[in-house]
Amino acid sequence: MSDHVDSSTERDGEVMKTVINCEPTVDISAAQALYTHLHNAVSNNHDVEIDAGEVTRVDSAILQLFTAFMLESRGRDQNVTWCAVSDAFYASANLLGLVKELNLPARNSY
């Protein structure tokens, strides 16, 4: 059974970075695994890069978890970047009014 997300830690120059990779379907069953990956990144004060470029479906619970993480990381001056965001992920975040809170890259149409 897949966790729908995985992470890896790598060195980016002098900074440690955690990369979160989302599978095409990121539903409620992925929440615990995602929470663990995000919590570890915050606890270790790593920069975080999120790849949601392959996502075709994302549950609102996952978007809420990402939103809570973004708020926490901002409070810690932790760098979080989106290396890829699929149209489906963006549309779901937009529907819930979370694009700004998630600091998603701008899109021309939605």
PDB file of N, CA and C in Angstrom:
ATOM      1  N   MET A   1       0.843  -1.188   0.000  1.00  0.00           N
ATOM      2  CA  MET A   1       0.000   0.000   0.000  1.00  0.00           C
ATOM      3  C   MET A   1       0.881   1.242   0.000  1.00  0.00           C
ATOM      4  N   SER A   2       0.608   2.145  -0.872  1.00  0.00           N
ATOM      5  CA  SER A   2       1.394   3.355  -1.025  1.00  0.00           C
ATOM      6  C   SER A   2       0.931   4.433  -0.061  1.00  0.00           C
ATOM      7  N   ASP A   3       1.892   5.268   0.371  1.00  0.00           N
ATOM      8  CA  ASP A   3       1.561   6.402   1.228  1.00  0.00           C
ATOM      9  C   ASP A   3       1.106   7.612   0.421  1.00  0.00           C
ATOM     10  N   HIS A   4       1.232   7.567  -0.908  1.00  0.00           N
ATOM     11  CA  HIS A   4       0.855   8.636  -1.825  1.00  0.00           C
ATOM     12  C   HIS A   4       1.800   9.831  -1.780  1.00  0.00           C
ATOM     13  N   VAL A   5       2.735   9.839  -0.825  1.00  0.00           N
ATOM     14  CA  VAL A   5       3.771  10.867  -0.757  1.00  0.00           C
ATOM     15  C   VAL A   5       5.052  10.206  -0.283  1.00  0.00           C
ATOM     16  N   ASP A   6       6.163  10.768  -0.703  1.00  0.00           N
ATOM     17  CA  ASP A   6       7.432  10.333  -0.140  1.00  0.00           C
ATOM     18  C   ASP A   6       8.321  11.551  -0.022  1.00  0.00           C
ATOM     19  N   SER A   7       9.393  11.409   0.707  1.00  0.00           N
ATOM     20  CA  SER A   7      10.301  12.534   0.866  1.00  0.00           C
ATOM     21  C   SER A   7      11.730  12.028   0.857  1.00  0.00           C
ATOM     22  N   SER A   8      12.607  12.930   0.529  1.00  0.00           N
ATOM     23  CA  SER A   8      14.029  12.650   0.595  1.00  0.00           C
ATOM     24  C   SER A   8      14.711  13.894   1.133  1.00  0.00           C
ATOM     25  N   THR A   9      15.872  13.694   1.730  1.00  0.00           N
ATOM     26  CA  THR A   9      16.642  14.810   2.251  1.00  0.00           C
ATOM     27  C   THR A   9      17.931  14.882   1.464  1.00  0.00           C
ATOM     28  N   GLU A  10      18.268  16.093   1.046  1.00  0.00           N
ATOM     29  CA  GLU A  10      19.482  16.279   0.263  1.00  0.00           C
ATOM     30  C   GLU A  10      20.136  17.582   0.663  1.00  0.00           C
ATOM     31  N   ARG A  11      21.395  17.690   0.341  1.00  0.00           N
ATOM     32  CA  ARG A  11      22.130  18.918   0.631  1.00  0.00           C
ATOM     33  C   ARG A  11      22.063  19.810  -0.598  1.00  0.00           C
ATOM     34  N   ASP A  12      21.690  21.073  -0.376  1.00  0.00           N
ATOM     35  CA  ASP A  12      21.650  22.072  -1.435  1.00  0.00           C
ATOM     36  C   ASP A  12      22.648  23.150  -1.045  1.00  0.00           C
ATOM     37  N   GLY A  13      23.887  22.955  -1.432  1.00  0.00           N
ATOM     38  CA  GLY A  13      24.952  23.847  -0.969  1.00  0.00           C
ATOM     39  C   GLY A  13      25.194  23.590   0.501  1.00  0.00           C
ATOM     40  N   GLU A  14      25.024  24.608   1.305  1.00  0.00           N
ATOM     41  CA  GLU A  14      25.220  24.485   2.750  1.00  0.00           C
ATOM     42  C   GLU A  14      23.926  24.167   3.496  1.00  0.00           C
ATOM     43  N   VAL A  15      22.815  24.109   2.770  1.00  0.00           N
ATOM     44  CA  VAL A  15      21.503  23.962   3.388  1.00  0.00           C
ATOM     45  C   VAL A  15      20.955  22.562   3.141  1.00  0.00           C
ATOM     46  N   MET A  16      20.375  21.981   4.186  1.00  0.00           N
ATOM     47  CA  MET A  16      19.685  20.704   4.025  1.00  0.00           C
ATOM     48  C   MET A  16      18.274  20.993   3.529  1.00  0.00           C
ATOM     49  N   LYS A  17      17.820  20.171   2.588  1.00  0.00           N
ATOM     50  CA  LYS A  17      16.507  20.380   1.985  1.00  0.00           C
ATOM     51  C   LYS A  17      15.744  19.061   1.985  1.00  0.00           C
ATOM     52  N   THR A  18      14.481  19.127   2.348  1.00  0.00           N
ATOM     53  CA  THR A  18      13.588  17.983   2.244  1.00  0.00           C
ATOM     54  C   THR A  18      12.717  18.172   1.016  1.00  0.00           C
ATOM     55  N   VAL A  19      12.663  17.151   0.174  1.00  0.00           N
ATOM     56  CA  VAL A  19      11.840  17.192  -1.037  1.00  0.00           C
ATOM     57  C   VAL A  19      10.644  16.282  -0.818  1.00  0.00           C
ATOM     58  N   ILE A  20       9.440  16.842  -0.935  1.00  0.00           N
ATOM     59  CA  ILE A  20       8.190  16.098  -0.793  1.00  0.00           C
ATOM     60  C   ILE A  20       7.655  15.835  -2.196  1.00  0.00           C
ATOM     61  N   ASN A  21       7.472  14.565  -2.539  1.00  0.00           N
ATOM     62  CA  ASN A  21       6.945  14.175  -3.852  1.00  0.00           C
ATOM     63  C   ASN A  21       5.547  13.586  -3.677  1.00  0.00           C
ATOM     64  N   CYS A  22       4.578  14.169  -4.358  1.00  0.00           N
ATOM     65  CA  CYS A  22       3.194  13.696  -4.284  1.00  0.00           C
ATOM     66  C   CYS A  22       2.882  12.814  -5.481  1.00  0.00           C
ATOM     67  N   GLU A  23       2.201  11.717  -5.223  1.00  0.00           N
ATOM     68  CA  GLU A  23       1.742  10.832  -6.288  1.00  0.00           C
ATOM     69  C   GLU A  23       0.494  11.428  -6.938  1.00  0.00           C
ATOM     70  N   PRO A  24       0.018  10.843  -8.046  1.00  0.00           N
ATOM     71  CA  PRO A  24      -1.151  11.404  -8.736  1.00  0.00           C
ATOM     72  C   PRO A  24      -2.404  11.555  -7.871  1.00  0.00           C
ATOM     73  N   THR A  25      -2.659  10.615  -6.978  1.00  0.00           N
ATOM     74  CA  THR A  25      -3.805  10.732  -6.081  1.00  0.00           C
ATOM     75  C   THR A  25      -3.294  10.904  -4.663  1.00  0.00           C
ATOM     76  N   VAL A  26      -3.625  12.062  -4.068  1.00  0.00           N
ATOM     77  CA  VAL A  26      -3.218  12.332  -2.688  1.00  0.00           C
ATOM     78  C   VAL A  26      -4.495  12.531  -1.892  1.00  0.00           C
ATOM     79  N   ASP A  27      -4.944  11.438  -1.263  1.00  0.00           N
ATOM     80  CA  ASP A  27      -6.212  11.485  -0.541  1.00  0.00           C
ATOM     81  C   ASP A  27      -5.981  11.364   0.962  1.00  0.00           C
ATOM     82  N   ILE A  28      -7.064  11.237   1.687  1.00  0.00           N
ATOM     83  CA  ILE A  28      -7.007  11.211   3.150  1.00  0.00           C
ATOM     84  C   ILE A  28      -6.106  10.095   3.670  1.00  0.00           C
ATOM     85  N   SER A  29      -5.965   9.015   2.924  1.00  0.00           N
ATOM     86  CA  SER A  29      -5.096   7.922   3.369  1.00  0.00           C
ATOM     87  C   SER A  29      -3.626   8.333   3.383  1.00  0.00           C
ATOM     88  N   ALA A  30      -3.285   9.437   2.732  1.00  0.00           N
ATOM     89  CA  ALA A  30      -1.905   9.924   2.709  1.00  0.00           C
ATOM     90  C   ALA A  30      -1.620  10.913   3.834  1.00  0.00           C
ATOM     91  N   ALA A  31      -2.636  11.317   4.576  1.00  0.00           N
ATOM     92  CA  ALA A  31      -2.477  12.388   5.564  1.00  0.00           C
ATOM     93  C   ALA A  31      -1.428  12.073   6.625  1.00  0.00           C
ATOM     94  N   GLN A  32      -1.443  10.881   7.174  1.00  0.00           N
ATOM     95  CA  GLN A  32      -0.481  10.545   8.233  1.00  0.00           C
ATOM     96  C   GLN A  32       0.949  10.569   7.702  1.00  0.00           C
ATOM     97  N   ALA A  33       1.175   9.970   6.547  1.00  0.00           N
ATOM     98  CA  ALA A  33       2.523   9.963   5.963  1.00  0.00           C
ATOM     99  C   ALA A  33       2.974  11.383   5.630  1.00  0.00           C
ATOM    100  N   LEU A  34       2.094  12.181   5.046  1.00  0.00           N
ATOM    101  CA  LEU A  34       2.442  13.552   4.710  1.00  0.00           C
ATOM    102  C   LEU A  34       2.755  14.342   5.974  1.00  0.00           C
ATOM    103  N   TYR A  35       1.923  14.191   6.990  1.00  0.00           N
ATOM    104  CA  TYR A  35       2.166  14.881   8.260  1.00  0.00           C
ATOM    105  C   TYR A  35       3.553  14.535   8.796  1.00  0.00           C
ATOM    106  N   THR A  36       3.910  13.265   8.756  1.00  0.00           N
ATOM    107  CA  THR A  36       5.208  12.822   9.264  1.00  0.00           C
ATOM    108  C   THR A  36       6.345  13.476   8.485  1.00  0.00           C
ATOM    109  N   HIS A  37       6.250  13.475   7.155  1.00  0.00           N
ATOM    110  CA  HIS A  37       7.294  14.094   6.333  1.00  0.00           C
ATOM    111  C   HIS A  37       7.412  15.597   6.618  1.00  0.00           C
ATOM    112  N   LEU A  38       6.286  16.280   6.695  1.00  0.00           N
ATOM    113  CA  LEU A  38       6.299  17.721   6.947  1.00  0.00           C
ATOM    114  C   LEU A  38       6.790  18.033   8.359  1.00  0.00           C
ATOM    115  N   HIS A  39       6.344  17.264   9.332  1.00  0.00           N
ATOM    116  CA  HIS A  39       6.768  17.457  10.723  1.00  0.00           C
ATOM    117  C   HIS A  39       8.281  17.276  10.849  1.00  0.00           C
ATOM    118  N   ASN A  40       8.821  16.252  10.209  1.00  0.00           N
ATOM    119  CA  ASN A  40      10.267  16.020  10.264  1.00  0.00           C
ATOM    120  C   ASN A  40      11.037  17.180   9.635  1.00  0.00           C
ATOM    121  N   ALA A  41      10.529  17.710   8.538  1.00  0.00           N
ATOM    122  CA  ALA A  41      11.198  18.842   7.891  1.00  0.00           C
ATOM    123  C   ALA A  41      11.208  20.060   8.803  1.00  0.00           C
ATOM    124  N   VAL A  42      10.082  20.328   9.462  1.00  0.00           N
ATOM    125  CA  VAL A  42      10.004  21.464  10.382  1.00  0.00           C
ATOM    126  C   VAL A  42      10.915  21.228  11.584  1.00  0.00           C
ATOM    127  N   SER A  43      10.862  20.036  12.135  1.00  0.00           N
ATOM    128  CA  SER A  43      11.665  19.712  13.327  1.00  0.00           C
ATOM    129  C   SER A  43      13.156  19.836  13.049  1.00  0.00           C
ATOM    130  N   ASN A  44      13.574  19.471  11.837  1.00  0.00           N
ATOM    131  CA  ASN A  44      14.988  19.533  11.469  1.00  0.00           C
ATOM    132  C   ASN A  44      15.387  20.868  10.857  1.00  0.00           C
ATOM    133  N   ASN A  45      14.428  21.784  10.754  1.00  0.00           N
ATOM    134  CA  ASN A  45      14.642  23.118  10.191  1.00  0.00           C
ATOM    135  C   ASN A  45      15.231  23.059   8.778  1.00  0.00           C
ATOM    136  N   HIS A  46      14.755  22.107   7.990  1.00  0.00           N
ATOM    137  CA  HIS A  46      15.184  21.990   6.600  1.00  0.00           C
ATOM    138  C   HIS A  46      14.348  22.896   5.710  1.00  0.00           C
ATOM    139  N   ASP A  47      14.967  23.385   4.649  1.00  0.00           N
ATOM    140  CA  ASP A  47      14.181  23.994   3.592  1.00  0.00           C
ATOM    141  C   ASP A  47      13.348  22.870   2.973  1.00  0.00           C
ATOM    142  N   VAL A  48      12.217  23.223   2.363  1.00  0.00           N
ATOM    143  CA  VAL A  48      11.323  22.208   1.807  1.00  0.00           C
ATOM    144  C   VAL A  48      10.979  22.569   0.375  1.00  0.00           C
ATOM    145  N   GLU A  49      11.021  21.570  -0.470  1.00  0.00           N
ATOM    146  CA  GLU A  49      10.594  21.702  -1.859  1.00  0.00           C
ATOM    147  C   GLU A  49       9.477  20.689  -2.075  1.00  0.00           C
ATOM    148  N   ILE A  50       8.348  21.140  -2.612  1.00  0.00           N
ATOM    149  CA  ILE A  50       7.194  20.270  -2.810  1.00  0.00           C
ATOM    150  C   ILE A  50       6.946  20.090  -4.298  1.00  0.00           C
ATOM    151  N   ASP A  51       6.828  18.831  -4.703  1.00  0.00           N
ATOM    152  CA  ASP A  51       6.535  18.505  -6.093  1.00  0.00           C
ATOM    153  C   ASP A  51       5.132  17.910  -6.168  1.00  0.00           C
ATOM    154  N   ALA A  52       4.192  18.714  -6.639  1.00  0.00           N
ATOM    155  CA  ALA A  52       2.807  18.270  -6.822  1.00  0.00           C
ATOM    156  C   ALA A  52       2.449  18.289  -8.302  1.00  0.00           C
ATOM    157  N   GLY A  53       3.454  18.154  -9.139  1.00  0.00           N
ATOM    158  CA  GLY A  53       3.267  18.264 -10.574  1.00  0.00           C
ATOM    159  C   GLY A  53       2.506  17.127 -11.221  1.00  0.00           C
ATOM    160  N   GLU A  54       2.457  15.966 -10.576  1.00  0.00           N
ATOM    161  CA  GLU A  54       1.769  14.803 -11.143  1.00  0.00           C
ATOM    162  C   GLU A  54       0.389  14.573 -10.531  1.00  0.00           C
ATOM    163  N   VAL A  55      -0.024  15.437  -9.617  1.00  0.00           N
ATOM    164  CA  VAL A  55      -1.281  15.246  -8.898  1.00  0.00           C
ATOM    165  C   VAL A  55      -2.472  15.424  -9.837  1.00  0.00           C
ATOM    166  N   THR A  56      -3.354  14.429  -9.833  1.00  0.00           N
ATOM    167  CA  THR A  56      -4.599  14.514 -10.602  1.00  0.00           C
ATOM    168  C   THR A  56      -5.805  14.659  -9.679  1.00  0.00           C
ATOM    169  N   ARG A  57      -5.625  14.300  -8.393  1.00  0.00           N
ATOM    170  CA  ARG A  57      -6.702  14.429  -7.406  1.00  0.00           C
ATOM    171  C   ARG A  57      -6.088  14.634  -6.034  1.00  0.00           C
ATOM    172  N   VAL A  58      -6.603  15.638  -5.320  1.00  0.00           N
ATOM    173  CA  VAL A  58      -6.123  15.919  -3.975  1.00  0.00           C
ATOM    174  C   VAL A  58      -7.319  16.215  -3.081  1.00  0.00           C
ATOM    175  N   ASP A  59      -7.351  15.591  -1.911  1.00  0.00           N
ATOM    176  CA  ASP A  59      -8.439  15.813  -0.952  1.00  0.00           C
ATOM    177  C   ASP A  59      -8.252  17.142  -0.223  1.00  0.00           C
ATOM    178  N   SER A  60      -9.354  17.705   0.217  1.00  0.00           N
ATOM    179  CA  SER A  60      -9.293  18.970   0.954  1.00  0.00           C
ATOM    180  C   SER A  60      -8.502  18.815   2.254  1.00  0.00           C
ATOM    181  N   ALA A  61      -8.531  17.648   2.868  1.00  0.00           N
ATOM    182  CA  ALA A  61      -7.760  17.424   4.099  1.00  0.00           C
ATOM    183  C   ALA A  61      -6.267  17.586   3.842  1.00  0.00           C
ATOM    184  N   ILE A  62      -5.806  17.157   2.685  1.00  0.00           N
ATOM    185  CA  ILE A  62      -4.391  17.295   2.331  1.00  0.00           C
ATOM    186  C   ILE A  62      -4.048  18.764   2.108  1.00  0.00           C
ATOM    187  N   LEU A  63      -4.936  19.488   1.449  1.00  0.00           N
ATOM    188  CA  LEU A  63      -4.711  20.920   1.259  1.00  0.00           C
ATOM    189  C   LEU A  63      -4.688  21.650   2.591  1.00  0.00           C
ATOM    190  N   GLN A  64      -5.536  21.246   3.519  1.00  0.00           N
ATOM    191  CA  GLN A  64      -5.533  21.850   4.854  1.00  0.00           C
ATOM    192  C   GLN A  64      -4.230  21.552   5.588  1.00  0.00           C
ATOM    193  N   LEU A  65      -3.720  20.343   5.431  1.00  0.00           N
ATOM    194  CA  LEU A  65      -2.453  19.966   6.053  1.00  0.00           C
ATOM    195  C   LEU A  65      -1.305  20.789   5.470  1.00  0.00           C
ATOM    196  N   PHE A  66      -1.266  20.933   4.154  1.00  0.00           N
ATOM    197  CA  PHE A  66      -0.253  21.782   3.528  1.00  0.00           C
ATOM    198  C   PHE A  66      -0.380  23.227   4.013  1.00  0.00           C
ATOM    199  N   THR A  67      -1.611  23.714   4.170  1.00  0.00           N
ATOM    200  CA  THR A  67      -1.830  25.087   4.632  1.00  0.00           C
ATOM    201  C   THR A  67      -1.298  25.282   6.046  1.00  0.00           C
ATOM    202  N   ALA A  68      -1.581  24.343   6.932  1.00  0.00           N
ATOM    203  CA  ALA A  68      -1.068  24.421   8.312  1.00  0.00           C
ATOM    204  C   ALA A  68       0.461  24.404   8.306  1.00  0.00           C
ATOM    205  N   PHE A  69       1.032  23.562   7.451  1.00  0.00           N
ATOM    206  CA  PHE A  69       2.486  23.498   7.342  1.00  0.00           C
ATOM    207  C   PHE A  69       3.059  24.828   6.858  1.00  0.00           C
ATOM    208  N   MET A  70       2.424  25.428   5.858  1.00  0.00           N
ATOM    209  CA  MET A  70       2.914  26.706   5.339  1.00  0.00           C
ATOM    210  C   MET A  70       2.887  27.781   6.426  1.00  0.00           C
ATOM    211  N   LEU A  71       1.826  27.809   7.215  1.00  0.00           N
ATOM    212  CA  LEU A  71       1.742  28.786   8.306  1.00  0.00           C
ATOM    213  C   LEU A  71       2.844  28.558   9.332  1.00  0.00           C
ATOM    214  N   GLU A  72       3.079  27.310   9.676  1.00  0.00           N
ATOM    215  CA  GLU A  72       4.134  26.963  10.634  1.00  0.00           C
ATOM    216  C   GLU A  72       5.505  27.333  10.077  1.00  0.00           C
ATOM    217  N   SER A  73       5.748  27.017   8.822  1.00  0.00           N
ATOM    218  CA  SER A  73       7.059  27.295   8.232  1.00  0.00           C
ATOM    219  C   SER A  73       7.311  28.799   8.127  1.00  0.00           C
ATOM    220  N   ARG A  74       6.272  29.580   7.827  1.00  0.00           N
ATOM    221  CA  ARG A  74       6.433  31.037   7.785  1.00  0.00           C
ATOM    222  C   ARG A  74       6.816  31.572   9.150  1.00  0.00           C
ATOM    223  N   GLY A  75       6.194  31.036  10.194  1.00  0.00           N
ATOM    224  CA  GLY A  75       6.502  31.466  11.552  1.00  0.00           C
ATOM    225  C   GLY A  75       7.931  31.142  11.967  1.00  0.00           C
ATOM    226  N   ARG A  76       8.536  30.181  11.304  1.00  0.00           N
ATOM    227  CA  ARG A  76       9.918  29.773  11.604  1.00  0.00           C
ATOM    228  C   ARG A  76      10.917  30.308  10.579  1.00  0.00           C
ATOM    229  N   ASP A  77      10.465  31.156   9.662  1.00  0.00           N
ATOM    230  CA  ASP A  77      11.315  31.657   8.573  1.00  0.00           C
ATOM    231  C   ASP A  77      11.975  30.525   7.800  1.00  0.00           C
ATOM    232  N   GLN A  78      11.206  29.484   7.572  1.00  0.00           N
ATOM    233  CA  GLN A  78      11.684  28.311   6.846  1.00  0.00           C
ATOM    234  C   GLN A  78      11.301  28.463   5.377  1.00  0.00           C
ATOM    235  N   ASN A  79      12.215  28.180   4.475  1.00  0.00           N
ATOM    236  CA  ASN A  79      11.958  28.303   3.045  1.00  0.00           C
ATOM    237  C   ASN A  79      11.171  27.103   2.536  1.00  0.00           C
ATOM    238  N   VAL A  80      10.047  27.383   1.867  1.00  0.00           N
ATOM    239  CA  VAL A  80       9.236  26.348   1.233  1.00  0.00           C
ATOM    240  C   VAL A  80       8.973  26.792  -0.188  1.00  0.00           C
ATOM    241  N   THR A  81       9.274  25.923  -1.149  1.00  0.00           N
ATOM    242  CA  THR A  81       9.031  26.237  -2.549  1.00  0.00           C
ATOM    243  C   THR A  81       8.264  25.097  -3.211  1.00  0.00           C
ATOM    244  N   TRP A  82       7.509  25.446  -4.216  1.00  0.00           N
ATOM    245  CA  TRP A  82       6.790  24.471  -5.045  1.00  0.00           C
ATOM    246  C   TRP A  82       7.588  24.327  -6.330  1.00  0.00           C
ATOM    247  N   CYS A  83       8.152  23.159  -6.579  1.00  0.00           N
ATOM    248  CA  CYS A  83       8.913  22.980  -7.821  1.00  0.00           C
ATOM    249  C   CYS A  83       7.978  22.656  -8.976  1.00  0.00           C
ATOM    250  N   ALA A  84       6.805  22.104  -8.667  1.00  0.00           N
ATOM    251  CA  ALA A  84       5.804  21.808  -9.693  1.00  0.00           C
ATOM    252  C   ALA A  84       4.434  21.718  -9.043  1.00  0.00           C
ATOM    253  N   VAL A  85       3.444  22.261  -9.728  1.00  0.00           N
ATOM    254  CA  VAL A  85       2.056  22.205  -9.253  1.00  0.00           C
ATOM    255  C   VAL A  85       1.179  21.878 -10.460  1.00  0.00           C
ATOM    256  N   SER A  86       0.468  20.767 -10.385  1.00  0.00           N
ATOM    257  CA  SER A  86      -0.401  20.378 -11.499  1.00  0.00           C
ATOM    258  C   SER A  86      -1.621  21.293 -11.571  1.00  0.00           C
ATOM    259  N   ASP A  87      -2.264  21.281 -12.724  1.00  0.00           N
ATOM    260  CA  ASP A  87      -3.498  22.050 -12.888  1.00  0.00           C
ATOM    261  C   ASP A  87      -4.563  21.586 -11.899  1.00  0.00           C
ATOM    262  N   ALA A  88      -4.653  20.273 -11.686  1.00  0.00           N
ATOM    263  CA  ALA A  88      -5.666  19.728 -10.769  1.00  0.00           C
ATOM    264  C   ALA A  88      -5.407  20.180  -9.334  1.00  0.00           C
ATOM    265  N   PHE A  89      -4.149  20.173  -8.900  1.00  0.00           N
ATOM    266  CA  PHE A  89      -3.814  20.620  -7.546  1.00  0.00           C
ATOM    267  C   PHE A  89      -4.156  22.094  -7.388  1.00  0.00           C
ATOM    268  N   TYR A  90      -3.759  22.896  -8.370  1.00  0.00           N
ATOM    269  CA  TYR A  90      -4.021  24.330  -8.315  1.00  0.00           C
ATOM    270  C   TYR A  90      -5.525  24.609  -8.299  1.00  0.00           C
ATOM    271  N   ALA A  91      -6.260  23.920  -9.156  1.00  0.00           N
ATOM    272  CA  ALA A  91      -7.708  24.140  -9.228  1.00  0.00           C
ATOM    273  C   ALA A  91      -8.383  23.795  -7.904  1.00  0.00           C
ATOM    274  N   SER A  92      -7.957  22.720  -7.262  1.00  0.00           N
ATOM    275  CA  SER A  92      -8.539  22.337  -5.973  1.00  0.00           C
ATOM    276  C   SER A  92      -8.217  23.376  -4.906  1.00  0.00           C
ATOM    277  N   ALA A  93      -6.982  23.842  -4.882  1.00  0.00           N
ATOM    278  CA  ALA A  93      -6.597  24.875  -3.922  1.00  0.00           C
ATOM    279  C   ALA A  93      -7.361  26.168  -4.187  1.00  0.00           C
ATOM    280  N   ASN A  94      -7.523  26.510  -5.444  1.00  0.00           N
ATOM    281  CA  ASN A  94      -8.250  27.712  -5.827  1.00  0.00           C
ATOM    282  C   ASN A  94      -9.716  27.623  -5.406  1.00  0.00           C
ATOM    283  N   LEU A  95     -10.313  26.460  -5.601  1.00  0.00           N
ATOM    284  CA  LEU A  95     -11.712  26.249  -5.231  1.00  0.00           C
ATOM    285  C   LEU A  95     -11.937  26.482  -3.733  1.00  0.00           C
ATOM    286  N   LEU A  96     -10.952  26.118  -2.929  1.00  0.00           N
ATOM    287  CA  LEU A  96     -11.049  26.286  -1.474  1.00  0.00           C
ATOM    288  C   LEU A  96     -10.489  27.623  -0.989  1.00  0.00           C
ATOM    289  N   GLY A  97     -10.033  28.446  -1.913  1.00  0.00           N
ATOM    290  CA  GLY A  97      -9.492  29.752  -1.537  1.00  0.00           C
ATOM    291  C   GLY A  97      -8.147  29.674  -0.829  1.00  0.00           C
ATOM    292  N   LEU A  98      -7.330  28.676  -1.171  1.00  0.00           N
ATOM    293  CA  LEU A  98      -6.068  28.458  -0.462  1.00  0.00           C
ATOM    294  C   LEU A  98      -4.823  28.775  -1.291  1.00  0.00           C
ATOM    295  N   VAL A  99      -4.995  29.320  -2.477  1.00  0.00           N
ATOM    296  CA  VAL A  99      -3.839  29.579  -3.341  1.00  0.00           C
ATOM    297  C   VAL A  99      -2.842  30.516  -2.661  1.00  0.00           C
ATOM    298  N   LYS A 100      -3.327  31.599  -2.097  1.00  0.00           N
ATOM    299  CA  LYS A 100      -2.438  32.578  -1.445  1.00  0.00           C
ATOM    300  C   LYS A 100      -1.793  31.969  -0.200  1.00  0.00           C
ATOM    301  N   GLU A 101      -2.586  31.289   0.622  1.00  0.00           N
ATOM    302  CA  GLU A 101      -2.054  30.700   1.849  1.00  0.00           C
ATOM    303  C   GLU A 101      -0.991  29.649   1.557  1.00  0.00           C
ATOM    304  N   LEU A 102      -1.168  28.930   0.442  1.00  0.00           N
ATOM    305  CA  LEU A 102      -0.207  27.902   0.059  1.00  0.00           C
ATOM    306  C   LEU A 102       0.989  28.489  -0.704  1.00  0.00           C
ATOM    307  N   ASN A 103       0.890  29.768  -1.045  1.00  0.00           N
ATOM    308  CA  ASN A 103       1.950  30.443  -1.790  1.00  0.00           C
ATOM    309  C   ASN A 103       2.243  29.705  -3.113  1.00  0.00           C
ATOM    310  N   LEU A 104       1.162  29.314  -3.784  1.00  0.00           N
ATOM    311  CA  LEU A 104       1.322  28.607  -5.055  1.00  0.00           C
ATOM    312  C   LEU A 104       1.754  29.576  -6.153  1.00  0.00           C
ATOM    313  N   PRO A 105       2.528  29.076  -7.102  1.00  0.00           N
ATOM    314  CA  PRO A 105       2.915  29.939  -8.238  1.00  0.00           C
ATOM    315  C   PRO A 105       1.671  30.423  -8.978  1.00  0.00           C
ATOM    316  N   ALA A 106       1.736  31.632  -9.487  1.00  0.00           N
ATOM    317  CA  ALA A 106       0.605  32.242 -10.182  1.00  0.00           C
ATOM    318  C   ALA A 106       0.252  31.451 -11.442  1.00  0.00           C
ATOM    319  N   ARG A 107      -1.032  31.431 -11.762  1.00  0.00           N
ATOM    320  CA  ARG A 107      -1.538  30.836 -13.002  1.00  0.00           C
ATOM    321  C   ARG A 107      -2.288  31.897 -13.767  1.00  0.00           C
ATOM    322  N   ASN A 108      -2.316  31.775 -15.058  1.00  0.00           N
ATOM    323  CA  ASN A 108      -2.993  32.782 -15.884  1.00  0.00           C
ATOM    324  C   ASN A 108      -4.500  32.611 -15.931  1.00  0.00           C
ATOM    325  N   SER A 109      -4.987  31.360 -15.797  1.00  0.00           N
ATOM    326  CA  SER A 109      -6.430  31.169 -15.914  1.00  0.00           C
ATOM    327  C   SER A 109      -6.929  30.166 -14.886  1.00  0.00           C
ATOM    328  N   TYR A 110      -7.899  30.573 -14.127  1.00  0.00           N
ATOM    329  CA  TYR A 110      -8.646  29.727 -13.176  1.00  0.00           C
ATOM    330  C   TYR A 110      -9.792  30.512 -12.645  1.00  0.00           C
TER     331      TYR A 110
END
